[in-house]
Amino acid sequence: MKVDIQEANGVYTGKLAGWLDTNEAKQFMNDIQPLFDHADQQLVLDFGELEYISSLGLRVLLRLNKESAAKGGHLVLTNMNEEVQKIFKMTGFVKLFDIK
């Protein structure tokens, strides 16, 4: 699992690559801490290179989404492949996130 976070014009973008499985979820939480720190801003998670996400990974994203909403920010998920989209649809998470 690889996470690259960049900021441009007040928008924080995290690009995810690899497998976000149960073994990677704790490190993922640490890696995206800058997004939690700026949850009052526009946040984008680019899933363009994310191949898989586990239920624990989904919970981390749910926590980030709630934190962002509570602080007046906004989280957007982009570039999901079909496999990741299926997981979001199966779990009902597609209704909880702004997915573009």
PDB file of N, CA and C in Angstrom:
ATOM      1  N   MET A   1       0.850  -1.178   0.000  1.00  0.00           N
ATOM      2  CA  MET A   1       0.000   0.000   0.000  1.00  0.00           C
ATOM      3  C   MET A   1       0.887   1.229   0.000  1.00  0.00           C
ATOM      4  N   LYS A   2       0.603   2.135  -0.890  1.00  0.00           N
ATOM      5  CA  LYS A   2       1.355   3.378  -0.990  1.00  0.00           C
ATOM      6  C   LYS A   2       0.373   4.545  -0.979  1.00  0.00           C
ATOM      7  N   VAL A   3       0.738   5.597  -0.227  1.00  0.00           N
ATOM      8  CA  VAL A   3      -0.075   6.810  -0.151  1.00  0.00           C
ATOM      9  C   VAL A   3       0.824   8.004  -0.422  1.00  0.00           C
ATOM     10  N   ASP A   4       0.388   8.860  -1.338  1.00  0.00           N
ATOM     11  CA  ASP A   4       1.121  10.085  -1.644  1.00  0.00           C
ATOM     12  C   ASP A   4       0.144  11.245  -1.470  1.00  0.00           C
ATOM     13  N   ILE A   5       0.439  12.153  -0.530  1.00  0.00           N
ATOM     14  CA  ILE A   5      -0.448  13.277  -0.256  1.00  0.00           C
ATOM     15  C   ILE A   5       0.214  14.566  -0.719  1.00  0.00           C
ATOM     16  N   GLN A   6      -0.576  15.345  -1.452  1.00  0.00           N
ATOM     17  CA  GLN A   6      -0.101  16.642  -1.944  1.00  0.00           C
ATOM     18  C   GLN A   6      -1.172  17.683  -1.703  1.00  0.00           C
ATOM     19  N   GLU A   7      -0.735  18.935  -1.597  1.00  0.00           N
ATOM     20  CA  GLU A   7      -1.659  20.053  -1.420  1.00  0.00           C
ATOM     21  C   GLU A   7      -1.460  21.037  -2.556  1.00  0.00           C
ATOM     22  N   ALA A   8      -2.552  21.502  -3.120  1.00  0.00           N
ATOM     23  CA  ALA A   8      -2.516  22.527  -4.161  1.00  0.00           C
ATOM     24  C   ALA A   8      -3.757  23.391  -4.025  1.00  0.00           C
ATOM     25  N   ASN A   9      -3.560  24.671  -3.836  1.00  0.00           N
ATOM     26  CA  ASN A   9      -4.671  25.637  -3.733  1.00  0.00           C
ATOM     27  C   ASN A   9      -5.687  25.260  -2.664  1.00  0.00           C
ATOM     28  N   GLY A  10      -5.214  24.768  -1.530  1.00  0.00           N
ATOM     29  CA  GLY A  10      -6.099  24.427  -0.426  1.00  0.00           C
ATOM     30  C   GLY A  10      -6.812  23.103  -0.556  1.00  0.00           C
ATOM     31  N   VAL A  11      -6.510  22.335  -1.592  1.00  0.00           N
ATOM     32  CA  VAL A  11      -7.105  21.011  -1.774  1.00  0.00           C
ATOM     33  C   VAL A  11      -6.027  19.972  -1.464  1.00  0.00           C
ATOM     34  N   TYR A  12      -6.344  19.064  -0.562  1.00  0.00           N
ATOM     35  CA  TYR A  12      -5.413  18.002  -0.178  1.00  0.00           C
ATOM     36  C   TYR A  12      -5.816  16.723  -0.901  1.00  0.00           C
ATOM     37  N   THR A  13      -4.893  16.201  -1.699  1.00  0.00           N
ATOM     38  CA  THR A  13      -5.161  15.004  -2.488  1.00  0.00           C
ATOM     39  C   THR A  13      -4.255  13.873  -2.039  1.00  0.00           C
ATOM     40  N   GLY A  14      -4.877  12.742  -1.741  1.00  0.00           N
ATOM     41  CA  GLY A  14      -4.137  11.531  -1.399  1.00  0.00           C
ATOM     42  C   GLY A  14      -4.298  10.529  -2.524  1.00  0.00           C
ATOM     43  N   LYS A  15      -3.176  10.144  -3.124  1.00  0.00           N
ATOM     44  CA  LYS A  15      -3.213   9.128  -4.177  1.00  0.00           C
ATOM     45  C   LYS A  15      -2.868   7.781  -3.547  1.00  0.00           C
ATOM     46  N   LEU A  16      -3.768   6.822  -3.733  1.00  0.00           N
ATOM     47  CA  LEU A  16      -3.607   5.498  -3.138  1.00  0.00           C
ATOM     48  C   LEU A  16      -3.211   4.490  -4.202  1.00  0.00           C
ATOM     49  N   ALA A  17      -2.309   3.593  -3.844  1.00  0.00           N
ATOM     50  CA  ALA A  17      -1.881   2.553  -4.776  1.00  0.00           C
ATOM     51  C   ALA A  17      -1.688   1.238  -4.020  1.00  0.00           C
ATOM     52  N   GLY A  18      -2.077   0.143  -4.672  1.00  0.00           N
ATOM     53  CA  GLY A  18      -1.866  -1.180  -4.086  1.00  0.00           C
ATOM     54  C   GLY A  18      -3.106  -1.739  -3.433  1.00  0.00           C
ATOM     55  N   TRP A  19      -2.884  -2.546  -2.398  1.00  0.00           N
ATOM     56  CA  TRP A  19      -3.945  -3.231  -1.669  1.00  0.00           C
ATOM     57  C   TRP A  19      -4.097  -2.614  -0.296  1.00  0.00           C
ATOM     58  N   LEU A  20      -5.284  -2.154   0.020  1.00  0.00           N
ATOM     59  CA  LEU A  20      -5.582  -1.654   1.362  1.00  0.00           C
ATOM     60  C   LEU A  20      -6.340  -2.758   2.083  1.00  0.00           C
ATOM     61  N   ASP A  21      -5.568  -3.700   2.611  1.00  0.00           N
ATOM     62  CA  ASP A  21      -6.173  -4.825   3.311  1.00  0.00           C
ATOM     63  C   ASP A  21      -6.017  -4.635   4.816  1.00  0.00           C
ATOM     64  N   THR A  22      -6.445  -5.611   5.577  1.00  0.00           N
ATOM     65  CA  THR A  22      -6.419  -5.524   7.034  1.00  0.00           C
ATOM     66  C   THR A  22      -5.008  -5.292   7.556  1.00  0.00           C
ATOM     67  N   ASN A  23      -4.025  -5.922   6.944  1.00  0.00           N
ATOM     68  CA  ASN A  23      -2.639  -5.765   7.384  1.00  0.00           C
ATOM     69  C   ASN A  23      -2.102  -4.359   7.154  1.00  0.00           C
ATOM     70  N   GLU A  24      -2.619  -3.669   6.160  1.00  0.00           N
ATOM     71  CA  GLU A  24      -2.141  -2.331   5.802  1.00  0.00           C
ATOM     72  C   GLU A  24      -2.944  -1.202   6.451  1.00  0.00           C
ATOM     73  N   ALA A  25      -4.080  -1.514   7.047  1.00  0.00           N
ATOM     74  CA  ALA A  25      -4.997  -0.477   7.524  1.00  0.00           C
ATOM     75  C   ALA A  25      -4.384   0.419   8.598  1.00  0.00           C
ATOM     76  N   LYS A  26      -3.630  -0.142   9.537  1.00  0.00           N
ATOM     77  CA  LYS A  26      -3.029   0.677  10.594  1.00  0.00           C
ATOM     78  C   LYS A  26      -2.023   1.665   9.994  1.00  0.00           C
ATOM     79  N   GLN A  27      -1.183   1.185   9.084  1.00  0.00           N
ATOM     80  CA  GLN A  27      -0.216   2.072   8.436  1.00  0.00           C
ATOM     81  C   GLN A  27      -0.939   3.118   7.587  1.00  0.00           C
ATOM     82  N   PHE A  28      -2.004   2.716   6.928  1.00  0.00           N
ATOM     83  CA  PHE A  28      -2.806   3.647   6.130  1.00  0.00           C
ATOM     84  C   PHE A  28      -3.336   4.779   6.998  1.00  0.00           C
ATOM     85  N   MET A  29      -3.824   4.424   8.189  1.00  0.00           N
ATOM     86  CA  MET A  29      -4.321   5.438   9.110  1.00  0.00           C
ATOM     87  C   MET A  29      -3.221   6.450   9.433  1.00  0.00           C
ATOM     88  N   ASN A  30      -2.020   5.977   9.665  1.00  0.00           N
ATOM     89  CA  ASN A  30      -0.885   6.872   9.931  1.00  0.00           C
ATOM     90  C   ASN A  30      -0.544   7.699   8.699  1.00  0.00           C
ATOM     91  N   ASP A  31      -0.569   7.066   7.537  1.00  0.00           N
ATOM     92  CA  ASP A  31      -0.185   7.739   6.291  1.00  0.00           C
ATOM     93  C   ASP A  31      -1.133   8.875   5.915  1.00  0.00           C
ATOM     94  N   ILE A  32      -2.412   8.727   6.260  1.00  0.00           N
ATOM     95  CA  ILE A  32      -3.368   9.775   5.883  1.00  0.00           C
ATOM     96  C   ILE A  32      -3.629  10.766   7.017  1.00  0.00           C
ATOM     97  N   GLN A  33      -2.837  10.715   8.060  1.00  0.00           N
ATOM     98  CA  GLN A  33      -3.003  11.660   9.169  1.00  0.00           C
ATOM     99  C   GLN A  33      -3.029  13.116   8.698  1.00  0.00           C
ATOM    100  N   PRO A  34      -2.216  13.508   7.698  1.00  0.00           N
ATOM    101  CA  PRO A  34      -2.315  14.895   7.213  1.00  0.00           C
ATOM    102  C   PRO A  34      -3.710  15.252   6.700  1.00  0.00           C
ATOM    103  N   LEU A  35      -4.449  14.281   6.185  1.00  0.00           N
ATOM    104  CA  LEU A  35      -5.817  14.556   5.739  1.00  0.00           C
ATOM    105  C   LEU A  35      -6.731  14.798   6.936  1.00  0.00           C
ATOM    106  N   PHE A  36      -6.550  14.034   8.006  1.00  0.00           N
ATOM    107  CA  PHE A  36      -7.310  14.278   9.234  1.00  0.00           C
ATOM    108  C   PHE A  36      -6.961  15.653   9.800  1.00  0.00           C
ATOM    109  N   ASP A  37      -5.685  16.017   9.718  1.00  0.00           N
ATOM    110  CA  ASP A  37      -5.232  17.314  10.234  1.00  0.00           C
ATOM    111  C   ASP A  37      -5.849  18.482   9.465  1.00  0.00           C
ATOM    112  N   HIS A  38      -6.212  18.251   8.213  1.00  0.00           N
ATOM    113  CA  HIS A  38      -6.801  19.296   7.361  1.00  0.00           C
ATOM    114  C   HIS A  38      -8.228  18.933   6.947  1.00  0.00           C
ATOM    115  N   ALA A  39      -8.938  18.257   7.852  1.00  0.00           N
ATOM    116  CA  ALA A  39     -10.288  17.775   7.538  1.00  0.00           C
ATOM    117  C   ALA A  39     -11.278  18.910   7.305  1.00  0.00           C
ATOM    118  N   ASP A  40     -10.894  20.133   7.654  1.00  0.00           N
ATOM    119  CA  ASP A  40     -11.777  21.273   7.417  1.00  0.00           C
ATOM    120  C   ASP A  40     -11.634  21.824   6.002  1.00  0.00           C
ATOM    121  N   GLN A  41     -10.813  21.193   5.194  1.00  0.00           N
ATOM    122  CA  GLN A  41     -10.540  21.616   3.826  1.00  0.00           C
ATOM    123  C   GLN A  41     -11.210  20.655   2.831  1.00  0.00           C
ATOM    124  N   GLN A  42     -11.001  20.927   1.555  1.00  0.00           N
ATOM    125  CA  GLN A  42     -11.415  20.004   0.486  1.00  0.00           C
ATOM    126  C   GLN A  42     -10.401  18.863   0.453  1.00  0.00           C
ATOM    127  N   LEU A  43     -10.874  17.625   0.587  1.00  0.00           N
ATOM    128  CA  LEU A  43     -10.024  16.435   0.553  1.00  0.00           C
ATOM    129  C   LEU A  43     -10.428  15.567  -0.628  1.00  0.00           C
ATOM    130  N   VAL A  44      -9.428  15.040  -1.324  1.00  0.00           N
ATOM    131  CA  VAL A  44      -9.685  14.144  -2.448  1.00  0.00           C
ATOM    132  C   VAL A  44      -8.836  12.899  -2.248  1.00  0.00           C
ATOM    133  N   LEU A  45      -9.453  11.740  -2.365  1.00  0.00           N
ATOM    134  CA  LEU A  45      -8.706  10.485  -2.391  1.00  0.00           C
ATOM    135  C   LEU A  45      -8.821   9.917  -3.792  1.00  0.00           C
ATOM    136  N   ASP A  46      -7.681   9.813  -4.450  1.00  0.00           N
ATOM    137  CA  ASP A  46      -7.598   9.300  -5.813  1.00  0.00           C
ATOM    138  C   ASP A  46      -7.315   7.804  -5.742  1.00  0.00           C
ATOM    139  N   PHE A  47      -8.303   7.009  -6.142  1.00  0.00           N
ATOM    140  CA  PHE A  47      -8.205   5.553  -6.084  1.00  0.00           C
ATOM    141  C   PHE A  47      -7.685   4.948  -7.389  1.00  0.00           C
ATOM    142  N   GLY A  48      -7.121   5.773  -8.263  1.00  0.00           N
ATOM    143  CA  GLY A  48      -6.703   5.332  -9.585  1.00  0.00           C
ATOM    144  C   GLY A  48      -5.820   4.103  -9.611  1.00  0.00           C
ATOM    145  N   GLU A  49      -4.998   3.927  -8.575  1.00  0.00           N
ATOM    146  CA  GLU A  49      -4.100   2.772  -8.536  1.00  0.00           C
ATOM    147  C   GLU A  49      -4.399   1.851  -7.357  1.00  0.00           C
ATOM    148  N   LEU A  50      -5.550   2.052  -6.712  1.00  0.00           N
ATOM    149  CA  LEU A  50      -5.948   1.176  -5.616  1.00  0.00           C
ATOM    150  C   LEU A  50      -6.614  -0.063  -6.202  1.00  0.00           C
ATOM    151  N   GLU A  51      -6.096  -1.223  -5.864  1.00  0.00           N
ATOM    152  CA  GLU A  51      -6.592  -2.472  -6.431  1.00  0.00           C
ATOM    153  C   GLU A  51      -7.646  -3.153  -5.565  1.00  0.00           C
ATOM    154  N   TYR A  52      -7.587  -2.907  -4.249  1.00  0.00           N
ATOM    155  CA  TYR A  52      -8.486  -3.609  -3.323  1.00  0.00           C
ATOM    156  C   TYR A  52      -8.588  -2.807  -2.037  1.00  0.00           C
ATOM    157  N   ILE A  53      -9.748  -2.887  -1.387  1.00  0.00           N
ATOM    158  CA  ILE A  53      -9.936  -2.276  -0.067  1.00  0.00           C
ATOM    159  C   ILE A  53     -10.731  -3.231   0.815  1.00  0.00           C
ATOM    160  N   SER A  54     -10.252  -3.447   2.030  1.00  0.00           N
ATOM    161  CA  SER A  54     -10.913  -4.340   2.982  1.00  0.00           C
ATOM    162  C   SER A  54     -11.919  -3.564   3.820  1.00  0.00           C
ATOM    163  N   SER A  55     -12.671  -4.285   4.629  1.00  0.00           N
ATOM    164  CA  SER A  55     -13.650  -3.632   5.500  1.00  0.00           C
ATOM    165  C   SER A  55     -12.972  -2.704   6.502  1.00  0.00           C
ATOM    166  N   LEU A  56     -11.796  -3.058   6.968  1.00  0.00           N
ATOM    167  CA  LEU A  56     -11.075  -2.184   7.891  1.00  0.00           C
ATOM    168  C   LEU A  56     -10.632  -0.903   7.190  1.00  0.00           C
ATOM    169  N   GLY A  57     -10.230  -1.008   5.937  1.00  0.00           N
ATOM    170  CA  GLY A  57      -9.897   0.174   5.141  1.00  0.00           C
ATOM    171  C   GLY A  57     -11.115   1.062   4.944  1.00  0.00           C
ATOM    172  N   LEU A  58     -12.264   0.442   4.715  1.00  0.00           N
ATOM    173  CA  LEU A  58     -13.514   1.204   4.573  1.00  0.00           C
ATOM    174  C   LEU A  58     -13.838   1.965   5.853  1.00  0.00           C
ATOM    175  N   ARG A  59     -13.583   1.342   6.994  1.00  0.00           N
ATOM    176  CA  ARG A  59     -13.853   2.004   8.270  1.00  0.00           C
ATOM    177  C   ARG A  59     -12.971   3.229   8.464  1.00  0.00           C
ATOM    178  N   VAL A  60     -11.719   3.148   8.023  1.00  0.00           N
ATOM    179  CA  VAL A  60     -10.828   4.306   8.107  1.00  0.00           C
ATOM    180  C   VAL A  60     -11.386   5.442   7.247  1.00  0.00           C
ATOM    181  N   LEU A  61     -11.839   5.105   6.039  1.00  0.00           N
ATOM    182  CA  LEU A  61     -12.413   6.123   5.159  1.00  0.00           C
ATOM    183  C   LEU A  61     -13.690   6.712   5.748  1.00  0.00           C
ATOM    184  N   LEU A  62     -14.503   5.884   6.366  1.00  0.00           N
ATOM    185  CA  LEU A  62     -15.727   6.369   7.000  1.00  0.00           C
ATOM    186  C   LEU A  62     -15.388   7.356   8.115  1.00  0.00           C
ATOM    187  N   ARG A  63     -14.375   7.039   8.882  1.00  0.00           N
ATOM    188  CA  ARG A  63     -13.938   7.941   9.954  1.00  0.00           C
ATOM    189  C   ARG A  63     -13.459   9.281   9.382  1.00  0.00           C
ATOM    190  N   LEU A  64     -12.686   9.226   8.287  1.00  0.00           N
ATOM    191  CA  LEU A  64     -12.219  10.454   7.650  1.00  0.00           C
ATOM    192  C   LEU A  64     -13.394  11.263   7.110  1.00  0.00           C
ATOM    193  N   ASN A  65     -14.359  10.594   6.521  1.00  0.00           N
ATOM    194  CA  ASN A  65     -15.541  11.278   5.984  1.00  0.00           C
ATOM    195  C   ASN A  65     -16.322  11.981   7.098  1.00  0.00           C
ATOM    196  N   LYS A  66     -16.511  11.297   8.219  1.00  0.00           N
ATOM    197  CA  LYS A  66     -17.231  11.882   9.352  1.00  0.00           C
ATOM    198  C   LYS A  66     -16.460  13.059   9.935  1.00  0.00           C
ATOM    199  N   GLU A  67     -15.165  12.912  10.067  1.00  0.00           N
ATOM    200  CA  GLU A  67     -14.316  13.989  10.599  1.00  0.00           C
ATOM    201  C   GLU A  67     -14.391  15.214   9.698  1.00  0.00           C
ATOM    202  N   SER A  68     -14.321  14.977   8.395  1.00  0.00           N
ATOM    203  CA  SER A  68     -14.381  16.066   7.431  1.00  0.00           C
ATOM    204  C   SER A  68     -15.724  16.788   7.512  1.00  0.00           C
ATOM    205  N   ALA A  69     -16.804  16.049   7.555  1.00  0.00           N
ATOM    206  CA  ALA A  69     -18.134  16.655   7.639  1.00  0.00           C
ATOM    207  C   ALA A  69     -18.294  17.450   8.934  1.00  0.00           C
ATOM    208  N   ALA A  70     -17.779  16.916  10.032  1.00  0.00           N
ATOM    209  CA  ALA A  70     -17.895  17.590  11.325  1.00  0.00           C
ATOM    210  C   ALA A  70     -17.124  18.905  11.358  1.00  0.00           C
ATOM    211  N   LYS A  71     -16.035  18.970  10.601  1.00  0.00           N
ATOM    212  CA  LYS A  71     -15.192  20.170  10.611  1.00  0.00           C
ATOM    213  C   LYS A  71     -15.505  21.126   9.459  1.00  0.00           C
ATOM    214  N   GLY A  72     -16.526  20.813   8.670  1.00  0.00           N
ATOM    215  CA  GLY A  72     -16.914  21.698   7.575  1.00  0.00           C
ATOM    216  C   GLY A  72     -16.128  21.491   6.294  1.00  0.00           C
ATOM    217  N   GLY A  73     -15.387  20.409   6.215  1.00  0.00           N
ATOM    218  CA  GLY A  73     -14.647  20.080   4.995  1.00  0.00           C
ATOM    219  C   GLY A  73     -15.489  19.220   4.076  1.00  0.00           C
ATOM    220  N   HIS A  74     -14.854  18.666   3.079  1.00  0.00           N
ATOM    221  CA  HIS A  74     -15.569  17.812   2.130  1.00  0.00           C
ATOM    222  C   HIS A  74     -14.597  16.788   1.562  1.00  0.00           C
ATOM    223  N   LEU A  75     -14.994  15.515   1.597  1.00  0.00           N
ATOM    224  CA  LEU A  75     -14.174  14.426   1.075  1.00  0.00           C
ATOM    225  C   LEU A  75     -14.787  13.906  -0.213  1.00  0.00           C
ATOM    226  N   VAL A  76     -13.951  13.793  -1.245  1.00  0.00           N
ATOM    227  CA  VAL A  76     -14.366  13.258  -2.534  1.00  0.00           C
ATOM    228  C   VAL A  76     -13.471  12.063  -2.858  1.00  0.00           C
ATOM    229  N   LEU A  77     -14.078  10.984  -3.349  1.00  0.00           N
ATOM    230  CA  LEU A  77     -13.336   9.809  -3.804  1.00  0.00           C
ATOM    231  C   LEU A  77     -13.403   9.771  -5.323  1.00  0.00           C
ATOM    232  N   THR A  78     -12.248   9.592  -5.969  1.00  0.00           N
ATOM    233  CA  THR A  78     -12.210   9.609  -7.434  1.00  0.00           C
ATOM    234  C   THR A  78     -11.497   8.392  -7.995  1.00  0.00           C
ATOM    235  N   ASN A  79     -11.744   8.150  -9.271  1.00  0.00           N
ATOM    236  CA  ASN A  79     -11.020   7.158 -10.082  1.00  0.00           C
ATOM    237  C   ASN A  79     -11.070   5.733  -9.546  1.00  0.00           C
ATOM    238  N   MET A  80     -12.226   5.301  -9.085  1.00  0.00           N
ATOM    239  CA  MET A  80     -12.359   3.921  -8.595  1.00  0.00           C
ATOM    240  C   MET A  80     -12.430   2.950  -9.757  1.00  0.00           C
ATOM    241  N   ASN A  81     -11.695   1.856  -9.645  1.00  0.00           N
ATOM    242  CA  ASN A  81     -11.819   0.804 -10.650  1.00  0.00           C
ATOM    243  C   ASN A  81     -13.064  -0.033 -10.349  1.00  0.00           C
ATOM    244  N   GLU A  82     -13.397  -0.946 -11.231  1.00  0.00           N
ATOM    245  CA  GLU A  82     -14.625  -1.740 -11.087  1.00  0.00           C
ATOM    246  C   GLU A  82     -14.640  -2.578  -9.818  1.00  0.00           C
ATOM    247  N   GLU A  83     -13.503  -3.174  -9.470  1.00  0.00           N
ATOM    248  CA  GLU A  83     -13.446  -4.031  -8.283  1.00  0.00           C
ATOM    249  C   GLU A  83     -13.720  -3.236  -7.012  1.00  0.00           C
ATOM    250  N   VAL A  84     -13.108  -2.078  -6.888  1.00  0.00           N
ATOM    251  CA  VAL A  84     -13.318  -1.238  -5.707  1.00  0.00           C
ATOM    252  C   VAL A  84     -14.754  -0.705  -5.710  1.00  0.00           C
ATOM    253  N   GLN A  85     -15.280  -0.347  -6.874  1.00  0.00           N
ATOM    254  CA  GLN A  85     -16.675   0.094  -6.964  1.00  0.00           C
ATOM    255  C   GLN A  85     -17.626  -0.988  -6.473  1.00  0.00           C
ATOM    256  N   LYS A  86     -17.351  -2.241  -6.836  1.00  0.00           N
ATOM    257  CA  LYS A  86     -18.191  -3.356  -6.396  1.00  0.00           C
ATOM    258  C   LYS A  86     -18.218  -3.451  -4.876  1.00  0.00           C
ATOM    259  N   ILE A  87     -17.067  -3.272  -4.251  1.00  0.00           N
ATOM    260  CA  ILE A  87     -16.980  -3.346  -2.790  1.00  0.00           C
ATOM    261  C   ILE A  87     -17.810  -2.229  -2.163  1.00  0.00           C
ATOM    262  N   PHE A  88     -17.702  -1.021  -2.709  1.00  0.00           N
ATOM    263  CA  PHE A  88     -18.476   0.102  -2.188  1.00  0.00           C
ATOM    264  C   PHE A  88     -19.972  -0.129  -2.377  1.00  0.00           C
ATOM    265  N   LYS A  89     -20.368  -0.707  -3.495  1.00  0.00           N
ATOM    266  CA  LYS A  89     -21.787  -0.975  -3.744  1.00  0.00           C
ATOM    267  C   LYS A  89     -22.305  -2.081  -2.834  1.00  0.00           C
ATOM    268  N   MET A  90     -21.537  -3.170  -2.697  1.00  0.00           N
ATOM    269  CA  MET A  90     -21.942  -4.298  -1.858  1.00  0.00           C
ATOM    270  C   MET A  90     -22.152  -3.884  -0.410  1.00  0.00           C
ATOM    271  N   THR A  91     -21.312  -3.005   0.081  1.00  0.00           N
ATOM    272  CA  THR A  91     -21.371  -2.594   1.481  1.00  0.00           C
ATOM    273  C   THR A  91     -22.330  -1.426   1.716  1.00  0.00           C
ATOM    274  N   GLY A  92     -22.824  -0.827   0.652  1.00  0.00           N
ATOM    275  CA  GLY A  92     -23.694   0.336   0.782  1.00  0.00           C
ATOM    276  C   GLY A  92     -22.926   1.635   1.000  1.00  0.00           C
ATOM    277  N   PHE A  93     -21.606   1.564   0.985  1.00  0.00           N
ATOM    278  CA  PHE A  93     -20.787   2.753   1.207  1.00  0.00           C
ATOM    279  C   PHE A  93     -20.893   3.745   0.057  1.00  0.00           C
ATOM    280  N   VAL A  94     -21.364   3.289  -1.090  1.00  0.00           N
ATOM    281  CA  VAL A  94     -21.516   4.193  -2.232  1.00  0.00           C
ATOM    282  C   VAL A  94     -22.495   5.322  -1.874  1.00  0.00           C
ATOM    283  N   LYS A  95     -23.403   5.072  -0.938  1.00  0.00           N
ATOM    284  CA  LYS A  95     -24.380   6.087  -0.540  1.00  0.00           C
ATOM    285  C   LYS A  95     -23.801   7.060   0.497  1.00  0.00           C
ATOM    286  N   LEU A  96     -22.688   6.717   1.094  1.00  0.00           N
ATOM    287  CA  LEU A  96     -22.130   7.513   2.183  1.00  0.00           C
ATOM    288  C   LEU A  96     -21.049   8.501   1.737  1.00  0.00           C
ATOM    289  N   PHE A  97     -20.568   8.338   0.512  1.00  0.00           N
ATOM    290  CA  PHE A  97     -19.445   9.142   0.025  1.00  0.00           C
ATOM    291  C   PHE A  97     -19.798   9.895  -1.237  1.00  0.00           C
ATOM    292  N   ASP A  98     -19.096  10.985  -1.458  1.00  0.00           N
ATOM    293  CA  ASP A  98     -19.171  11.725  -2.727  1.00  0.00           C
ATOM    294  C   ASP A  98     -18.143  11.068  -3.646  1.00  0.00           C
ATOM    295  N   ILE A  99     -18.632  10.285  -4.595  1.00  0.00           N
ATOM    296  CA  ILE A  99     -17.763   9.540  -5.509  1.00  0.00           C
ATOM    297  C   ILE A  99     -17.898  10.127  -6.896  1.00  0.00           C
ATOM    298  N   LYS A 100     -16.772  10.478  -7.472  1.00  0.00           N
ATOM    299  CA  LYS A 100     -16.759  11.076  -8.821  1.00  0.00           C
ATOM    300  C   LYS A 100     -15.964  10.193  -9.741  1.00  0.00           C
TER     301      LYS A 100
END
